Amino acid sequence: MKNRALFGLAAEFLGPEPLLAAVRAAREAQYRRMDAYAPYAVEGLGEALGMRFTGVPLATLLCGIGGGATGYAMQLYSAAVDYPLNVGGRPPHSWPAFIPITFELTVLAGAFGAALSMLVFNGLPRLHHPIFDTPFFTERNASRFYLCIEARDRRFDENRTREFLLKQGPEHVWEVPG
């Protein structure tokens, strides 16, 4: 084996159907550290790759609840505890007046929670990815479909993985240097 760092092996396909078939075969062969690259969204690719639930919806919900509770608590404290005023005979805790601010802070905190959790769960910002430095990917990215099996996968063996990818019928199998 040559003394070089290898990120993985990438198979190049001409269409989405062969890519989906290769991804499904790779999952059946117990490969788990892989990613697919396509010039447009491919229906079913996420499920075939084994993408699972992320925490983005839960983080959005929790941040929204926290923002709404914070907005309501700030108004309650300022109107009923810190500076109570009798305006027109209304009670200090007039909850209908608190609804607009509570709603707005719920939406604001939920939006920030969604954006930040999306960045965290996607591992972003990722400033460098080895596949983007390869000449084949930059030249053919607009019209080809790729399946990259990473070298850090526990089932990865360069020769066996190359043979496996060649059995899937790609146009080429490329080495992605690390």
C-alpha atoms as a PDB file:
ATOM      1  CA  MET A   1       0.000   0.000   0.000  1.00  0.00           C
ATOM      2  CA  LYS A   2       1.302   3.418  -0.902  1.00  0.00           C
ATOM      3  CA  ASN A   3       2.142   5.844   1.866  1.00  0.00           C
ATOM      4  CA  ARG A   4      -0.521   8.476   1.251  1.00  0.00           C
ATOM      5  CA  ALA A   5      -3.520   9.903   2.996  1.00  0.00           C
ATOM      6  CA  LEU A   6      -6.766   8.790   1.405  1.00  0.00           C
ATOM      7  CA  PHE A   7     -10.116  10.386   2.211  1.00  0.00           C
ATOM      8  CA  GLY A   8     -12.048   7.786   0.277  1.00  0.00           C
ATOM      9  CA  LEU A   9     -13.100   6.419  -3.084  1.00  0.00           C
ATOM     10  CA  ALA A  10     -15.666   8.149  -5.274  1.00  0.00           C
ATOM     11  CA  ALA A  11     -17.703   6.424  -7.981  1.00  0.00           C
ATOM     12  CA  GLU A  12     -19.053   8.561 -10.806  1.00  0.00           C
ATOM     13  CA  PHE A  13     -22.478   7.800 -12.281  1.00  0.00           C
ATOM     14  CA  LEU A  14     -24.315   9.357 -15.204  1.00  0.00           C
ATOM     15  CA  GLY A  15     -27.783   9.440 -13.657  1.00  0.00           C
ATOM     16  CA  PRO A  16     -29.712   9.379 -10.400  1.00  0.00           C
ATOM     17  CA  GLU A  17     -31.044   5.805 -10.729  1.00  0.00           C
ATOM     18  CA  PRO A  18     -27.599   4.144 -10.814  1.00  0.00           C
ATOM     19  CA  LEU A  19     -26.536   6.354  -7.916  1.00  0.00           C
ATOM     20  CA  LEU A  20     -29.537   5.307  -5.839  1.00  0.00           C
ATOM     21  CA  ALA A  21     -28.915   1.643  -6.644  1.00  0.00           C
ATOM     22  CA  ALA A  22     -25.254   1.987  -5.639  1.00  0.00           C
ATOM     23  CA  VAL A  23     -26.132   3.730  -2.383  1.00  0.00           C
ATOM     24  CA  ARG A  24     -28.629   1.006  -1.503  1.00  0.00           C
ATOM     25  CA  ALA A  25     -26.081  -1.700  -2.334  1.00  0.00           C
ATOM     26  CA  ALA A  26     -23.460   0.056  -0.199  1.00  0.00           C
ATOM     27  CA  ARG A  27     -25.880   0.190   2.748  1.00  0.00           C
ATOM     28  CA  GLU A  28     -26.596  -3.517   2.289  1.00  0.00           C
ATOM     29  CA  ALA A  29     -22.831  -4.166   2.242  1.00  0.00           C
ATOM     30  CA  GLN A  30     -22.643  -2.448   5.676  1.00  0.00           C
ATOM     31  CA  TYR A  31     -20.883   0.733   4.533  1.00  0.00           C
ATOM     32  CA  ARG A  32     -21.959   3.597   6.764  1.00  0.00           C
ATOM     33  CA  ARG A  33     -19.487   6.449   6.213  1.00  0.00           C
ATOM     34  CA  MET A  34     -20.479   7.613   2.767  1.00  0.00           C
ATOM     35  CA  ASP A  35     -21.988  10.588   1.034  1.00  0.00           C
ATOM     36  CA  ALA A  36     -23.611  11.226  -2.318  1.00  0.00           C
ATOM     37  CA  TYR A  37     -23.247  14.304  -4.507  1.00  0.00           C
ATOM     38  CA  ALA A  38     -25.734  15.247  -7.204  1.00  0.00           C
ATOM     39  CA  PRO A  39     -26.305  18.331  -9.354  1.00  0.00           C
ATOM     40  CA  TYR A  40     -29.951  18.436  -8.228  1.00  0.00           C
ATOM     41  CA  ALA A  41     -32.136  16.923  -5.528  1.00  0.00           C
ATOM     42  CA  VAL A  42     -32.665  13.184  -5.954  1.00  0.00           C
ATOM     43  CA  GLU A  43     -35.862  11.780  -4.463  1.00  0.00           C
ATOM     44  CA  GLY A  44     -35.123   9.098  -1.869  1.00  0.00           C
ATOM     45  CA  LEU A  45     -31.380   9.716  -1.654  1.00  0.00           C
ATOM     46  CA  GLY A  46     -31.475  10.813   1.983  1.00  0.00           C
ATOM     47  CA  GLU A  47     -33.363   7.697   3.030  1.00  0.00           C
ATOM     48  CA  ALA A  48     -31.034   5.484   0.993  1.00  0.00           C
ATOM     49  CA  LEU A  49     -28.009   7.046   2.709  1.00  0.00           C
ATOM     50  CA  GLY A  50     -29.572   6.270   6.072  1.00  0.00           C
ATOM     51  CA  MET A  51     -30.048   9.839   7.216  1.00  0.00           C
ATOM     52  CA  ARG A  52     -31.855   9.871  10.508  1.00  0.00           C
ATOM     53  CA  PHE A  53     -33.830  12.342  12.557  1.00  0.00           C
ATOM     54  CA  THR A  54     -31.909  15.429  13.484  1.00  0.00           C
ATOM     55  CA  GLY A  55     -32.551  17.521  16.531  1.00  0.00           C
ATOM     56  CA  VAL A  56     -33.504  20.616  14.518  1.00  0.00           C
ATOM     57  CA  PRO A  57     -37.294  20.378  15.079  1.00  0.00           C
ATOM     58  CA  LEU A  58     -36.846  19.718  18.790  1.00  0.00           C
ATOM     59  CA  ALA A  59     -34.335  22.555  19.159  1.00  0.00           C
ATOM     60  CA  THR A  60     -36.709  24.879  17.292  1.00  0.00           C
ATOM     61  CA  LEU A  61     -39.566  23.923  19.583  1.00  0.00           C
ATOM     62  CA  LEU A  62     -37.536  24.339  22.765  1.00  0.00           C
ATOM     63  CA  CYS A  63     -36.104  27.686  21.671  1.00  0.00           C
ATOM     64  CA  GLY A  64     -39.586  28.898  20.686  1.00  0.00           C
ATOM     65  CA  ILE A  65     -41.044  27.882  24.047  1.00  0.00           C
ATOM     66  CA  GLY A  66     -38.109  29.502  25.825  1.00  0.00           C
ATOM     67  CA  GLY A  67     -38.475  32.720  23.826  1.00  0.00           C
ATOM     68  CA  GLY A  68     -42.222  32.900  24.457  1.00  0.00           C
ATOM     69  CA  ALA A  69     -41.794  32.194  28.169  1.00  0.00           C
ATOM     70  CA  THR A  70     -39.063  34.823  28.410  1.00  0.00           C
ATOM     71  CA  GLY A  71     -41.200  37.435  26.630  1.00  0.00           C
ATOM     72  CA  TYR A  72     -44.200  36.728  28.811  1.00  0.00           C
ATOM     73  CA  ALA A  73     -42.115  36.724  32.012  1.00  0.00           C
ATOM     74  CA  MET A  74     -40.467  40.058  31.125  1.00  0.00           C
ATOM     75  CA  GLN A  75     -43.841  41.694  30.554  1.00  0.00           C
ATOM     76  CA  LEU A  76     -45.357  40.161  33.664  1.00  0.00           C
ATOM     77  CA  TYR A  77     -42.453  41.321  35.796  1.00  0.00           C
ATOM     78  CA  SER A  78     -42.418  44.852  34.402  1.00  0.00           C
ATOM     79  CA  ALA A  79     -46.207  45.374  34.472  1.00  0.00           C
ATOM     80  CA  ALA A  80     -47.195  43.557  37.662  1.00  0.00           C
ATOM     81  CA  VAL A  81     -44.111  43.505  39.897  1.00  0.00           C
ATOM     82  CA  ASP A  82     -41.600  46.208  39.085  1.00  0.00           C
ATOM     83  CA  TYR A  83     -43.813  49.058  37.899  1.00  0.00           C
ATOM     84  CA  PRO A  84     -47.527  48.367  38.389  1.00  0.00           C
ATOM     85  CA  LEU A  85     -49.818  51.058  37.005  1.00  0.00           C
ATOM     86  CA  ASN A  86     -53.566  51.198  37.246  1.00  0.00           C
ATOM     87  CA  VAL A  87     -54.551  52.259  33.736  1.00  0.00           C
ATOM     88  CA  GLY A  88     -58.282  52.397  33.194  1.00  0.00           C
ATOM     89  CA  GLY A  89     -58.969  49.917  35.960  1.00  0.00           C
ATOM     90  CA  ARG A  90     -57.242  46.989  34.270  1.00  0.00           C
ATOM     91  CA  PRO A  91     -55.486  44.438  36.466  1.00  0.00           C
ATOM     92  CA  PRO A  92     -51.647  44.487  36.599  1.00  0.00           C
ATOM     93  CA  HIS A  93     -51.552  41.005  35.042  1.00  0.00           C
ATOM     94  CA  SER A  94     -53.473  41.662  31.834  1.00  0.00           C
ATOM     95  CA  TRP A  95     -52.523  38.653  29.743  1.00  0.00           C
ATOM     96  CA  PRO A  96     -54.287  39.683  26.484  1.00  0.00           C
ATOM     97  CA  ALA A  97     -51.951  42.672  26.242  1.00  0.00           C
ATOM     98  CA  PHE A  98     -48.941  40.358  26.589  1.00  0.00           C
ATOM     99  CA  ILE A  99     -49.832  38.085  23.652  1.00  0.00           C
ATOM    100  CA  PRO A 100     -48.288  40.065  20.726  1.00  0.00           C
ATOM    101  CA  ILE A 101     -44.845  40.366  22.307  1.00  0.00           C
ATOM    102  CA  THR A 102     -44.978  36.763  23.514  1.00  0.00           C
ATOM    103  CA  PHE A 103     -45.843  35.568  20.006  1.00  0.00           C
ATOM    104  CA  GLU A 104     -43.107  37.650  18.381  1.00  0.00           C
ATOM    105  CA  LEU A 105     -40.421  36.427  20.779  1.00  0.00           C
ATOM    106  CA  THR A 106     -41.589  32.833  20.261  1.00  0.00           C
ATOM    107  CA  VAL A 107     -41.142  33.177  16.513  1.00  0.00           C
ATOM    108  CA  LEU A 108     -37.829  35.031  16.829  1.00  0.00           C
ATOM    109  CA  ALA A 109     -36.267  32.558  19.265  1.00  0.00           C
ATOM    110  CA  GLY A 110     -37.600  29.597  17.268  1.00  0.00           C
ATOM    111  CA  ALA A 111     -36.075  30.966  14.067  1.00  0.00           C
ATOM    112  CA  PHE A 112     -32.706  31.538  15.714  1.00  0.00           C
ATOM    113  CA  GLY A 113     -32.875  28.087  17.288  1.00  0.00           C
ATOM    114  CA  ALA A 114     -33.651  26.490  13.919  1.00  0.00           C
ATOM    115  CA  ALA A 115     -30.813  28.282  12.138  1.00  0.00           C
ATOM    116  CA  LEU A 116     -28.210  27.629  14.815  1.00  0.00           C
ATOM    117  CA  SER A 117     -29.186  24.000  15.367  1.00  0.00           C
ATOM    118  CA  MET A 118     -29.131  23.400  11.610  1.00  0.00           C
ATOM    119  CA  LEU A 119     -25.565  24.675  11.514  1.00  0.00           C
ATOM    120  CA  VAL A 120     -24.556  22.535  14.501  1.00  0.00           C
ATOM    121  CA  PHE A 121     -26.232  19.315  13.317  1.00  0.00           C
ATOM    122  CA  ASN A 122     -24.847  19.713   9.790  1.00  0.00           C
ATOM    123  CA  GLY A 123     -21.327  20.311  11.076  1.00  0.00           C
ATOM    124  CA  LEU A 124     -21.177  23.739   9.511  1.00  0.00           C
ATOM    125  CA  PRO A 125     -19.364  25.861   8.762  1.00  0.00           C
ATOM    126  CA  ARG A 126     -17.051  23.316   7.182  1.00  0.00           C
ATOM    127  CA  LEU A 127     -14.414  25.383   5.486  1.00  0.00           C
ATOM    128  CA  HIS A 128     -12.739  22.530   3.616  1.00  0.00           C
ATOM    129  CA  HIS A 129     -13.886  19.211   2.184  1.00  0.00           C
ATOM    130  CA  PRO A 130     -11.348  17.025   0.368  1.00  0.00           C
ATOM    131  CA  ILE A 131     -13.675  16.085  -2.508  1.00  0.00           C
ATOM    132  CA  PHE A 132     -13.929  19.714  -3.616  1.00  0.00           C
ATOM    133  CA  ASP A 133     -10.181  19.801  -4.311  1.00  0.00           C
ATOM    134  CA  THR A 134     -10.252  16.917  -6.770  1.00  0.00           C
ATOM    135  CA  PRO A 135     -10.105  17.851 -10.446  1.00  0.00           C
ATOM    136  CA  PHE A 136     -12.770  15.336 -11.508  1.00  0.00           C
ATOM    137  CA  PHE A 137     -15.321  16.801  -9.128  1.00  0.00           C
ATOM    138  CA  THR A 138     -14.767  20.433 -10.038  1.00  0.00           C
ATOM    139  CA  GLU A 139     -14.807  19.725 -13.796  1.00  0.00           C
ATOM    140  CA  ARG A 140     -17.858  17.416 -13.922  1.00  0.00           C
ATOM    141  CA  ASN A 141     -19.902  18.503 -10.931  1.00  0.00           C
ATOM    142  CA  ALA A 142     -22.729  20.049 -12.963  1.00  0.00           C
ATOM    143  CA  SER A 143     -23.717  16.871 -14.782  1.00  0.00           C
ATOM    144  CA  ARG A 144     -22.527  13.810 -12.828  1.00  0.00           C
ATOM    145  CA  PHE A 145     -23.580  11.924  -9.712  1.00  0.00           C
ATOM    146  CA  TYR A 146     -21.057  10.688  -7.157  1.00  0.00           C
ATOM    147  CA  LEU A 147     -20.979   8.214  -4.315  1.00  0.00           C
ATOM    148  CA  CYS A 148     -17.999   8.639  -2.009  1.00  0.00           C
ATOM    149  CA  ILE A 149     -17.196   5.945   0.552  1.00  0.00           C
ATOM    150  CA  GLU A 150     -14.891   7.382   3.174  1.00  0.00           C
ATOM    151  CA  ALA A 151     -11.681   5.677   4.277  1.00  0.00           C
ATOM    152  CA  ARG A 152     -12.665   6.053   7.929  1.00  0.00           C
ATOM    153  CA  ASP A 153     -15.530   3.571   7.455  1.00  0.00           C
ATOM    154  CA  ARG A 154     -14.896   0.421   9.469  1.00  0.00           C
ATOM    155  CA  ARG A 155     -15.556  -1.781   6.391  1.00  0.00           C
ATOM    156  CA  PHE A 156     -13.247   0.236   4.141  1.00  0.00           C
ATOM    157  CA  ASP A 157     -10.415  -1.623   2.484  1.00  0.00           C
ATOM    158  CA  GLU A 158      -9.077   0.159  -0.573  1.00  0.00           C
ATOM    159  CA  ASN A 159      -9.028  -2.868  -2.868  1.00  0.00           C
ATOM    160  CA  ARG A 160     -12.292  -4.447  -1.736  1.00  0.00           C
ATOM    161  CA  THR A 161     -14.102  -1.118  -1.741  1.00  0.00           C
ATOM    162  CA  ARG A 162     -12.805  -0.349  -5.236  1.00  0.00           C
ATOM    163  CA  GLU A 163     -14.038  -3.765  -6.442  1.00  0.00           C
ATOM    164  CA  PHE A 164     -17.389  -3.188  -4.773  1.00  0.00           C
ATOM    165  CA  LEU A 165     -17.781   0.203  -6.446  1.00  0.00           C
ATOM    166  CA  LEU A 166     -16.764  -1.177  -9.844  1.00  0.00           C
ATOM    167  CA  LYS A 167     -19.498  -3.825  -9.553  1.00  0.00           C
ATOM    168  CA  GLN A 168     -22.072  -1.033  -9.287  1.00  0.00           C
ATOM    169  CA  GLY A 169     -21.406   0.043 -12.902  1.00  0.00           C
ATOM    170  CA  PRO A 170     -19.914   3.525 -12.531  1.00  0.00           C
ATOM    171  CA  GLU A 171     -18.213   5.462 -15.303  1.00  0.00           C
ATOM    172  CA  HIS A 172     -15.101   5.869 -13.156  1.00  0.00           C
ATOM    173  CA  VAL A 173     -13.862   5.215  -9.639  1.00  0.00           C
ATOM    174  CA  TRP A 174     -11.686   8.013  -8.330  1.00  0.00           C
ATOM    175  CA  GLU A 175      -9.370   8.267  -5.347  1.00  0.00           C
ATOM    176  CA  VAL A 176     -10.081  11.248  -3.124  1.00  0.00           C
ATOM    177  CA  PRO A 177      -6.865  12.287  -1.384  1.00  0.00           C
ATOM    178  CA  GLY A 178      -7.160  13.372   2.230  1.00  0.00           C
END
